[in-house]
Structures are given as structure tokens and as C-alpha cells.
Amino acid sequence: MNKLKVAIVFGGKSTEHEISIITGLQVFNNIDREKFEPIAVYVTKDGRWFAGEGRLEKVETYKDLVKAVAGLKNTFLSPDTSVSGLVEDPSSSHGLFSKLKYLKIDVLFPCFHGTYGEDGAAQGLFDLSGIPYVGCGTLASAVTMDKILCKAILDDFGVPVVKGHHFLVQDWEADKKSILDNCEEKLKYPMFVKPPSGGSSIGVTRAENRKGLEEAIEIAKFYDRRILVEEGVKDAKEVNVSVIGHEEIEVSEVEMPVASSNVLSYEDKYTSGGGKSSGMASLKRIIPAPIKADTKKEIEEIARQTFRLLDCSGIIRIDFLLTPNEKQIWVNEVNPLPGSIAFYLWEPKGLKIKELITKLINLALERHEERAKLLRTFPTNVLESFSGSKGKS
């Protein structure tokens, strides 16, 4: 049986670049090589693509991101469906009209986190290429990564979300007092200020008062043109769950992450292990989460509902907030490409990382086959009877 060539794509133009590298190499190192031929595809911080070189498969390579790609030839994913793979950039070879070199790809496994990879940008390119890919589609990726739109959709369908207020940075710069007044009128302290399209807690700050709120907004504005401010839940419990599937949906074990302060920080998520980072697997957590059985059941049901409403596919992670007595539950965030593919949430269910990767690839093939049956073009050509460019036929 021929092995499927799986391009594991990571890095990218994102503040979560290094975290993406960790996730990508975790997938590369744990994929079932009896079934698949993995190809490491690294995207630099300025958006250049490189593939297939042995050194791209080693974490030590990325200690110096400039030397990591020194001497390598650029490649890119072709949007032409007749190519179905990677193309070596002809300009890095012998001129524009030199013979192109192709590498056929059977499945794309994106491990991007953040902008230009997790937010629908890369998924749009994948759709154009005609190659099956792991994870949510273009629309679901874009919506789930946009905290403002995601909250609005879930709220409209009756899924509980925390209260929030959002505004443009340009409006903030024009009238800071009015923005602060609006936030205090609509929300109670403590408040959490976030860039709506970010992840890994980057740019997220807790504000206890007006001065803190202003300072938090000044931080968040460096990461997005919009700002989201949410009302905090006093002494909230935070729990996370992963969901996988397409037609059929499965929910993972529930975890309770352990924060070192009042915000679950980037350091908590990725460097709390005290040494070599294992991505999101480095986070201190309690599995299973110490919550009531009825609470767990309700979280699982909301997770399934959220997955369906947002038309998700493959794998996501949903972060929840609970009141201390667990009588209220809110969806806090939805992550369309969870760090470390959330393997640590599936192991307690008996699904090891190798089997999880295989399952996600199979789901990608299932989704691609389903989409291939949809009508996208008509066999007829309306231009056959078109007589000119003046609007008459």
C-alpha cells in the first residue's frame, strides 16, 4: 500500500510562531510512518515557505530562525488543482522559465496558531489547491478565531457567553474617555482586555480599575485594529475540553488548567514546565477536572452544540468559565487549531497521539470527499451565445 504524503505545515506570520513549530514537530514525530510519509513544511515569520529538508524536522534548527533556512530553496503551495502540491520557487533556481519541480501532497496537516494560518487565511489557499486538509474549513476557522464574531453567533443561538464590549482602535485614539465610560457603563470590574483575533493569551490583561483598563487597552491595540473587553467572573473556575469529528462528534476528557496568577498567561501555557517546552502539554493541569458530574455533562453538550453551530471539523478546543458553585457556565473561547493538537485531553480517553493524528487525517479525507460531491460549476457555457461586450447576447 502506498503511503499518503502528509505535509505538516507550521510557523507562519504570527506572534505564536514558535508555539506552532512545537505543535508541528510533535505531529511530525508522532505520525504513523507505516501509513504516512510526513513532510515538514516551515513558514518563516515573513511568510516564506520551505519544505522537505532534513534539518526542518529537528527542534534544534529553530533556535536560530535565520540560520534555519539559510541555503534552502523557497517553495510554495500551488492554488492550481492540477498541481496538488508544493512547487519549488523557479526564481530561486535558474530563472522564471526554468523547469518547475513539484512535490505531490495527499493531505495537508496545518499546525499554525494565530494569524495567517489558524484564522482561515491558509485554509482558503488549501481549498483552492484542492488538497484535503486537517481541521476546520475557511469560514469556521475565520469565525472561531474572531472572538467578537464567535461570541455574537453563539449568543444569537442561545449558547452562554460572557458579557463583552468591543470597539475600534481608531475610536479609542479619537476619544478614550468615552470608550472607558462605555466599558464601565456596560461591564463590571474586573475586566479582561483582549485582541479579538489572537491566541496563547498574548495581549490579554486583567483590569481591576479604570487606570488598569486604560493600560490594558494600550497593550492590546498593538495586536489588532479592534479591542474586546469582557466582564470577569469572580473566582471563576476555568475548564477546557476538546472536540473532534465531522459527521460524528466526540468530546474529550475535561481539564482544569492551573494558572500562576489571575490570568492564564503565555508563560503558564508554554514555559511552566521549567525546562524544554512541550507546547500546550507544558501547562499545569488537573485531569479530569474536579467538577460535578452534572456540570461535566452540560459542558459536553454545550461543546457538541458549539462544534455544530460553527460548522467545525477535525479538532477544536473550547475554553469554559464556571461560577464557583458551577450553576452558570459560559463559553469563553474556541480554538480551531489547539496547541499540541490537545493530545493530552484525548489520552485519558484511550486515544494516544499517534492514533489521534491518524484519526484527524482520516477526518480530513472524509470532509474532502463530502465537499467533492457538491456542485461548484455548471457544465454549460453561457458565453457560447455571447455576441459582444456591450451587454447584448
Protein backbone atom coordinates (compact mmCIF):
# COMPACT_ATOMS: atom_id res chain seq x y z
CA MET A 1 0.00 0.00 0.00
CA ASN A 2 1.35 3.40 -0.97
CA LYS A 3 1.83 5.77 1.93
CA LEU A 4 -0.03 9.09 1.86
CA LYS A 5 2.28 12.11 1.67
CA VAL A 6 1.28 14.39 4.54
CA ALA A 7 2.65 17.95 4.56
CA ILE A 8 2.86 19.17 8.16
CA VAL A 9 2.80 22.96 7.87
CA PHE A 10 3.91 25.16 10.78
CA GLY A 11 5.46 28.51 11.72
CA GLY A 12 3.88 31.43 9.89
CA LYS A 13 3.35 35.17 10.25
CA SER A 14 2.07 35.09 13.81
CA THR A 15 3.01 36.06 17.35
CA GLU A 16 2.50 32.36 18.10
CA HIS A 17 5.17 31.33 15.56
CA GLU A 18 7.37 29.33 17.94
CA ILE A 19 4.38 27.57 19.52
CA SER A 20 3.31 26.48 16.04
CA ILE A 21 6.78 25.00 15.46
CA ILE A 22 6.41 22.91 18.62
CA THR A 23 2.98 21.62 17.58
CA GLY A 24 4.22 20.87 14.05
CA LEU A 25 7.19 18.86 15.28
CA GLN A 26 5.01 16.99 17.77
CA VAL A 27 2.80 15.88 14.88
CA PHE A 28 5.84 15.08 12.70
CA ASN A 29 7.50 12.96 15.39
CA ASN A 30 4.37 11.02 16.32
CA ILE A 31 2.71 10.35 12.95
CA ASP A 32 2.28 6.69 11.97
CA ARG A 33 5.06 6.11 9.45
CA GLU A 34 3.61 2.77 8.41
CA LYS A 35 0.67 4.67 6.90
CA PHE A 36 2.02 8.11 6.11
CA GLU A 37 5.12 9.82 4.72
CA PRO A 38 5.47 13.09 6.65
CA ILE A 39 6.98 16.20 5.03
CA ALA A 40 7.96 19.12 7.25
CA VAL A 41 6.92 22.47 5.75
CA TYR A 42 8.19 25.51 7.61
CA VAL A 43 6.80 29.01 7.01
CA THR A 44 9.04 31.85 8.20
CA LYS A 45 7.88 34.90 10.12
CA ASP A 46 7.94 36.90 6.89
CA GLY A 47 5.87 34.29 5.02
CA ARG A 48 8.46 32.29 3.04
CA TRP A 49 7.84 28.54 2.66
CA PHE A 50 10.50 25.80 2.88
CA ALA A 51 9.98 22.06 2.70
CA GLY A 52 11.48 18.61 2.82
CA GLU A 53 14.96 19.30 4.16
CA GLY A 54 16.12 17.04 6.99
CA ARG A 55 17.03 19.86 9.32
CA LEU A 56 13.49 21.26 9.28
CA GLU A 57 12.44 18.20 11.27
CA LYS A 58 14.64 18.99 14.29
CA VAL A 59 13.69 21.38 17.07
CA GLU A 60 17.34 22.46 17.48
CA THR A 61 17.17 24.01 14.00
CA TYR A 62 14.79 26.69 15.21
CA LYS A 63 16.99 28.09 17.94
CA ASP A 64 18.24 30.44 15.21
CA LEU A 65 15.40 31.20 12.82
CA VAL A 66 17.67 32.89 10.28
CA LYS A 67 20.13 30.00 10.05
CA ALA A 68 17.20 27.56 10.00
CA VAL A 69 16.51 28.31 6.33
CA ALA A 70 19.93 29.51 5.19
CA GLY A 71 20.81 27.95 1.84
CA LEU A 72 17.39 26.35 1.36
CA LYS A 73 15.23 26.93 -1.72
CA ASN A 74 11.85 28.55 -1.33
CA THR A 75 8.77 26.55 -2.11
CA PHE A 76 5.08 27.39 -2.19
CA LEU A 77 1.71 25.67 -2.25
CA SER A 78 0.14 25.97 -5.67
CA PRO A 79 -3.53 27.03 -5.86
CA ASP A 80 -3.73 25.20 -9.19
CA THR A 81 -5.69 21.97 -8.67
CA SER A 82 -3.76 20.23 -11.46
CA VAL A 83 -0.60 20.53 -9.35
CA SER A 84 -1.98 19.30 -6.00
CA GLY A 85 1.21 20.01 -4.16
CA LEU A 86 4.26 22.10 -3.47
CA VAL A 87 6.28 23.87 -6.16
CA GLU A 88 9.90 24.90 -5.88
CA ASP A 89 10.12 28.62 -6.49
CA PRO A 90 11.61 28.97 -10.00
CA SER A 91 13.15 32.33 -9.16
CA SER A 92 15.35 30.60 -6.58
CA SER A 93 16.65 28.23 -9.23
CA HIS A 94 17.59 29.20 -12.81
CA GLY A 95 15.19 31.97 -13.70
CA LEU A 96 11.49 32.35 -14.28
CA PHE A 97 11.21 29.87 -17.14
CA SER A 98 13.33 27.08 -15.68
CA LYS A 99 11.71 23.68 -15.31
CA LEU A 100 9.43 23.64 -12.29
CA LYS A 101 9.88 20.99 -9.63
CA TYR A 102 6.74 19.62 -7.99
CA LEU A 103 6.12 17.61 -4.85
CA LYS A 104 2.70 15.99 -4.80
CA ILE A 105 0.88 16.20 -1.48
CA ASP A 106 -2.01 13.94 -0.47
CA VAL A 107 -3.03 15.67 2.77
CA LEU A 108 -2.14 18.97 4.42
CA PHE A 109 -1.82 18.99 8.22
CA PRO A 110 -1.73 22.65 9.32
CA CYS A 111 -0.26 23.28 12.76
CA PHE A 112 -0.47 27.06 12.60
CA HIS A 113 -1.52 29.11 15.60
CA GLY A 114 -2.81 32.66 15.28
CA THR A 115 -2.91 34.97 12.28
CA TYR A 116 -2.41 33.90 8.65
CA GLY A 117 -2.79 30.22 9.47
CA GLU A 118 -5.42 29.47 12.07
CA ASP A 119 -7.79 32.24 11.02
CA GLY A 120 -8.97 30.99 7.60
CA ALA A 121 -6.23 32.63 5.55
CA ALA A 122 -4.29 29.41 4.95
CA GLN A 123 -7.48 27.36 4.73
CA GLY A 124 -8.60 29.48 1.77
CA LEU A 125 -5.36 28.59 -0.02
CA PHE A 126 -5.84 24.93 0.87
CA ASP A 127 -9.35 25.00 -0.60
CA LEU A 128 -8.03 26.49 -3.83
CA SER A 129 -5.33 23.83 -4.06
CA GLY A 130 -7.89 21.05 -3.93
CA ILE A 131 -5.84 19.13 -1.37
CA PRO A 132 -7.57 17.60 1.69
CA TYR A 133 -6.55 19.29 4.93
CA VAL A 134 -6.92 18.67 8.64
CA GLY A 135 -9.12 20.90 10.75
CA CYS A 136 -11.87 23.44 10.29
CA GLY A 137 -12.72 24.91 6.90
CA THR A 138 -12.13 28.50 5.84
CA LEU A 139 -15.29 30.01 7.31
CA ALA A 140 -15.25 28.09 10.58
CA SER A 141 -11.57 28.92 11.09
CA ALA A 142 -12.18 32.62 10.47
CA VAL A 143 -15.21 32.82 12.74
CA THR A 144 -13.79 30.83 15.65
CA MET A 145 -10.57 32.87 15.62
CA ASP A 146 -12.51 36.12 15.72
CA LYS A 147 -13.66 36.33 19.33
CA ILE A 148 -16.12 39.14 18.58
CA LEU A 149 -17.92 37.35 15.75
CA CYS A 150 -17.76 33.98 17.50
CA LYS A 151 -19.39 35.38 20.65
CA ALA A 152 -22.09 37.13 18.60
CA ILE A 153 -23.02 33.94 16.73
CA LEU A 154 -23.05 31.74 19.82
CA ASP A 155 -25.05 34.30 21.78
CA ASP A 156 -27.61 34.56 18.95
CA PHE A 157 -28.16 30.79 19.11
CA GLY A 158 -28.52 30.80 22.87
CA VAL A 159 -25.10 29.46 23.81
CA PRO A 160 -23.98 31.23 27.00
CA VAL A 161 -21.02 33.61 26.57
CA VAL A 162 -19.54 36.17 28.95
CA LYS A 163 -20.65 39.78 28.62
CA GLY A 164 -18.42 41.90 26.40
CA HIS A 165 -17.96 45.20 24.62
CA HIS A 166 -15.81 45.90 21.58
CA PHE A 167 -14.58 48.94 19.66
CA LEU A 168 -12.09 50.05 17.03
CA VAL A 169 -8.63 51.28 17.95
CA GLN A 170 -9.25 54.38 15.82
CA ASP A 171 -12.26 55.21 18.02
CA TRP A 172 -10.11 54.68 21.10
CA GLU A 173 -7.50 57.09 19.82
CA ALA A 174 -10.18 59.65 18.99
CA ASP A 175 -11.99 59.61 22.34
CA LYS A 176 -10.51 57.49 25.11
CA LYS A 177 -12.76 58.90 27.81
CA SER A 178 -15.96 57.86 26.01
CA ILE A 179 -14.63 54.36 25.41
CA LEU A 180 -13.71 53.97 29.08
CA ASP A 181 -17.10 55.34 30.13
CA ASN A 182 -18.90 52.89 27.82
CA CYS A 183 -16.94 49.94 29.19
CA GLU A 184 -17.71 50.92 32.79
CA GLU A 185 -21.36 51.51 31.96
CA LYS A 186 -21.81 48.08 30.34
CA LEU A 187 -19.42 45.91 32.33
CA LYS A 188 -18.25 45.37 35.90
CA TYR A 189 -14.70 45.03 37.17
CA PRO A 190 -12.62 43.02 36.91
CA MET A 191 -12.50 43.20 33.12
CA PHE A 192 -10.36 41.30 30.66
CA VAL A 193 -8.99 43.12 27.63
CA LYS A 194 -8.11 41.04 24.57
CA PRO A 195 -7.05 41.37 20.94
CA PRO A 196 -10.04 39.59 19.31
CA SER A 197 -8.00 37.64 16.75
CA GLY A 198 -5.12 36.50 18.95
CA GLY A 199 -4.32 33.40 20.95
CA SER A 200 -1.98 31.96 23.60
CA SER A 201 -3.08 34.77 25.98
CA ILE A 202 -0.84 37.22 24.08
CA GLY A 203 -2.01 40.79 24.70
CA VAL A 204 -4.58 39.69 27.30
CA THR A 205 -4.65 41.75 30.51
CA ARG A 206 -6.89 41.81 33.57
CA ALA A 207 -8.05 45.27 34.68
CA GLU A 208 -9.25 45.98 38.22
CA ASN A 209 -10.00 49.67 37.77
CA ARG A 210 -10.17 52.50 35.21
CA LYS A 211 -6.42 53.11 35.17
CA GLY A 212 -5.74 49.43 34.67
CA LEU A 213 -8.35 49.28 31.91
CA GLU A 214 -6.69 52.12 30.02
CA GLU A 215 -3.28 50.47 30.34
CA ALA A 216 -4.68 47.12 29.17
CA ILE A 217 -6.23 48.70 26.08
CA GLU A 218 -2.92 50.37 25.26
CA ILE A 219 -1.29 46.92 25.28
CA ALA A 220 -3.99 45.17 23.23
CA LYS A 221 -4.01 47.80 20.48
CA PHE A 222 -0.60 46.60 19.24
CA TYR A 223 -2.11 43.27 18.17
CA ASP A 224 -5.37 44.16 16.43
CA ARG A 225 -7.37 47.05 14.96
CA ARG A 226 -10.24 46.10 17.29
CA ILE A 227 -10.37 45.57 21.05
CA LEU A 228 -12.58 43.22 23.03
CA VAL A 229 -13.32 43.90 26.71
CA GLU A 230 -15.08 41.19 28.71
CA GLU A 231 -16.61 41.18 32.17
CA GLY A 232 -14.73 38.91 34.52
CA VAL A 233 -16.35 36.18 36.59
CA LYS A 234 -15.42 36.43 40.27
CA ASP A 235 -13.41 33.42 41.45
CA ALA A 236 -14.19 31.67 38.19
CA LYS A 237 -13.26 28.09 37.50
CA GLU A 238 -11.71 27.60 34.08
CA VAL A 239 -12.08 24.27 32.32
CA ASN A 240 -11.26 23.17 28.78
CA VAL A 241 -12.46 20.39 26.54
CA SER A 242 -11.56 19.21 23.04
CA VAL A 243 -13.96 18.08 20.34
CA ILE A 244 -13.15 16.01 17.25
CA GLY A 245 -15.28 14.83 14.38
CA HIS A 246 -17.15 15.70 11.24
CA GLU A 247 -20.38 13.78 10.84
CA GLU A 248 -19.91 12.10 14.22
CA ILE A 249 -18.65 14.11 17.20
CA GLU A 250 -16.58 13.00 20.18
CA VAL A 251 -15.75 15.00 23.30
CA SER A 252 -12.53 14.60 25.26
CA GLU A 253 -11.89 14.50 28.97
CA VAL A 254 -12.36 17.83 30.76
CA GLU A 255 -9.27 19.56 32.19
CA MET A 256 -8.79 22.36 34.68
CA PRO A 257 -5.66 24.41 33.86
CA VAL A 258 -3.70 25.78 36.78
CA ALA A 259 -2.76 29.46 36.50
CA SER A 260 0.09 31.09 38.40
CA SER A 261 -1.84 34.36 38.68
CA ASN A 262 -5.29 35.77 37.92
CA VAL A 263 -4.71 35.34 34.18
CA LEU A 264 -3.75 32.09 32.50
CA SER A 265 -0.67 33.52 30.82
CA TYR A 266 1.56 32.65 27.87
CA GLU A 267 4.18 31.52 30.41
CA ASP A 268 1.67 29.26 32.16
CA LYS A 269 0.75 27.63 28.87
CA TYR A 270 4.18 27.13 27.34
CA THR A 271 7.05 27.59 29.77
CA SER A 272 5.70 26.40 33.12
CA GLY A 273 7.45 23.05 32.76
CA GLY A 274 10.66 24.69 33.91
CA GLY A 275 12.71 23.44 31.00
CA LYS A 276 12.20 22.16 27.48
CA SER A 277 8.82 23.31 26.25
CA SER A 278 6.27 20.75 25.10
CA GLY A 279 3.79 23.32 23.81
CA MET A 280 0.39 23.26 25.50
CA ALA A 281 1.41 19.94 27.07
CA SER A 282 3.68 22.02 29.37
CA LEU A 283 0.68 23.63 31.08
CA LYS A 284 -0.01 22.54 34.64
CA ARG A 285 -3.45 20.96 34.67
CA ILE A 286 -5.81 18.72 36.59
CA ILE A 287 -7.30 15.88 34.51
CA PRO A 288 -10.09 15.06 34.98
CA ALA A 289 -11.26 18.45 36.18
CA PRO A 290 -12.62 18.38 39.76
CA ILE A 291 -16.19 19.36 38.82
CA LYS A 292 -19.62 17.84 39.40
CA ALA A 293 -20.86 15.07 37.11
CA ASP A 294 -23.85 17.16 36.03
CA THR A 295 -21.56 20.10 35.21
CA LYS A 296 -19.35 17.86 33.09
CA LYS A 297 -22.39 16.52 31.22
CA GLU A 298 -23.63 20.06 30.48
CA ILE A 299 -20.17 21.16 29.29
CA GLU A 300 -20.03 18.19 26.92
CA GLU A 301 -23.43 19.08 25.49
CA ILE A 302 -22.53 22.76 25.00
CA ALA A 303 -19.27 21.67 23.36
CA ARG A 304 -21.14 19.49 20.84
CA GLN A 305 -23.62 22.29 20.16
CA THR A 306 -20.81 24.81 19.62
CA PHE A 307 -18.96 22.48 17.24
CA ARG A 308 -22.11 22.05 15.14
CA LEU A 309 -23.21 25.70 15.18
CA LEU A 310 -19.83 26.94 13.97
CA ASP A 311 -19.58 24.16 11.34
CA CYS A 312 -16.31 22.93 12.78
CA SER A 313 -14.43 19.89 11.55
CA GLY A 314 -11.37 17.96 12.62
CA ILE A 315 -10.37 19.15 16.08
CA ILE A 316 -11.03 22.20 18.26
CA ARG A 317 -10.63 23.12 21.92
CA ILE A 318 -13.26 25.08 23.82
CA ASP A 319 -12.42 27.02 26.97
CA PHE A 320 -15.20 27.45 29.52
CA LEU A 321 -15.72 29.60 32.62
CA LEU A 322 -17.81 28.45 35.59
CA THR A 323 -19.07 30.20 38.70
CA PRO A 324 -17.60 28.72 41.89
CA ASN A 325 -20.88 26.85 42.59
CA GLU A 326 -20.97 25.68 38.93
CA LYS A 327 -24.53 26.95 38.46
CA GLN A 328 -23.51 29.08 35.48
CA ILE A 329 -21.38 28.03 32.52
CA TRP A 330 -20.04 30.24 29.74
CA VAL A 331 -18.09 29.55 26.57
CA ASN A 332 -15.00 31.73 26.85
CA GLU A 333 -13.07 30.96 23.64
CA VAL A 334 -12.99 28.48 20.76
CA ASN A 335 -9.61 27.39 19.40
CA PRO A 336 -9.79 25.95 15.84
CA LEU A 337 -6.22 24.52 15.91
CA PRO A 338 -5.40 23.78 19.56
CA GLY A 339 -1.80 23.75 20.69
CA SER A 340 -0.20 20.29 20.74
CA ILE A 341 -3.44 19.18 18.98
CA ALA A 342 -4.78 18.80 22.55
CA PHE A 343 -3.46 15.22 22.65
CA TYR A 344 -3.24 15.37 26.46
CA LEU A 345 -7.06 15.63 26.60
CA TRP A 346 -7.53 12.51 24.49
CA GLU A 347 -5.01 10.21 26.16
CA PRO A 348 -7.29 9.73 29.22
CA LYS A 349 -9.93 8.52 26.75
CA GLY A 350 -7.52 5.88 25.46
CA LEU A 351 -6.66 7.74 22.24
CA LYS A 352 -2.88 8.08 22.01
CA ILE A 353 -1.28 10.86 19.97
CA LYS A 354 -0.36 8.55 17.05
CA GLU A 355 -3.96 7.33 16.76
CA LEU A 356 -5.26 10.88 17.19
CA ILE A 357 -3.14 12.09 14.26
CA THR A 358 -4.37 9.21 12.09
CA LYS A 359 -7.97 9.96 13.06
CA LEU A 360 -7.58 13.63 12.13
CA ILE A 361 -6.10 12.74 8.73
CA ASN A 362 -8.98 10.33 8.08
CA LEU A 363 -11.48 13.05 9.03
CA ALA A 364 -9.78 15.40 6.57
CA LEU A 365 -10.21 12.83 3.80
CA GLU A 366 -13.86 12.28 4.79
CA ARG A 367 -14.60 16.01 4.70
CA HIS A 368 -12.82 16.42 1.36
CA GLU A 369 -14.78 13.56 -0.19
CA GLU A 370 -18.05 15.09 1.02
CA ARG A 371 -17.18 18.52 -0.42
CA ALA A 372 -16.13 16.98 -3.74
CA LYS A 373 -19.72 15.83 -4.26
CA LEU A 374 -21.08 19.39 -4.10
CA LEU A 375 -21.95 21.25 -7.28
CA ARG A 376 -19.44 24.09 -7.76
CA THR A 377 -19.62 24.77 -11.51
CA PHE A 378 -22.05 24.19 -14.38
CA PRO A 379 -21.07 22.10 -17.43
CA THR A 380 -22.77 24.60 -19.75
CA ASN A 381 -21.06 27.75 -21.02
CA VAL A 382 -23.30 30.83 -21.19
CA LEU A 383 -20.61 32.62 -23.23
CA GLU A 384 -21.15 30.30 -26.22
CA SER A 385 -24.01 32.55 -27.38
CA PHE A 386 -22.42 35.79 -26.17
CA SER A 387 -22.03 38.23 -29.07
CA GLY A 388 -20.04 41.08 -27.57
CA SER A 389 -19.09 43.15 -24.56
CA LYS A 390 -21.93 45.67 -24.69
CA GLY A 391 -24.39 43.60 -22.72
CA LYS A 392 -26.32 42.14 -25.65
CA SER A 393 -26.47 38.42 -26.39
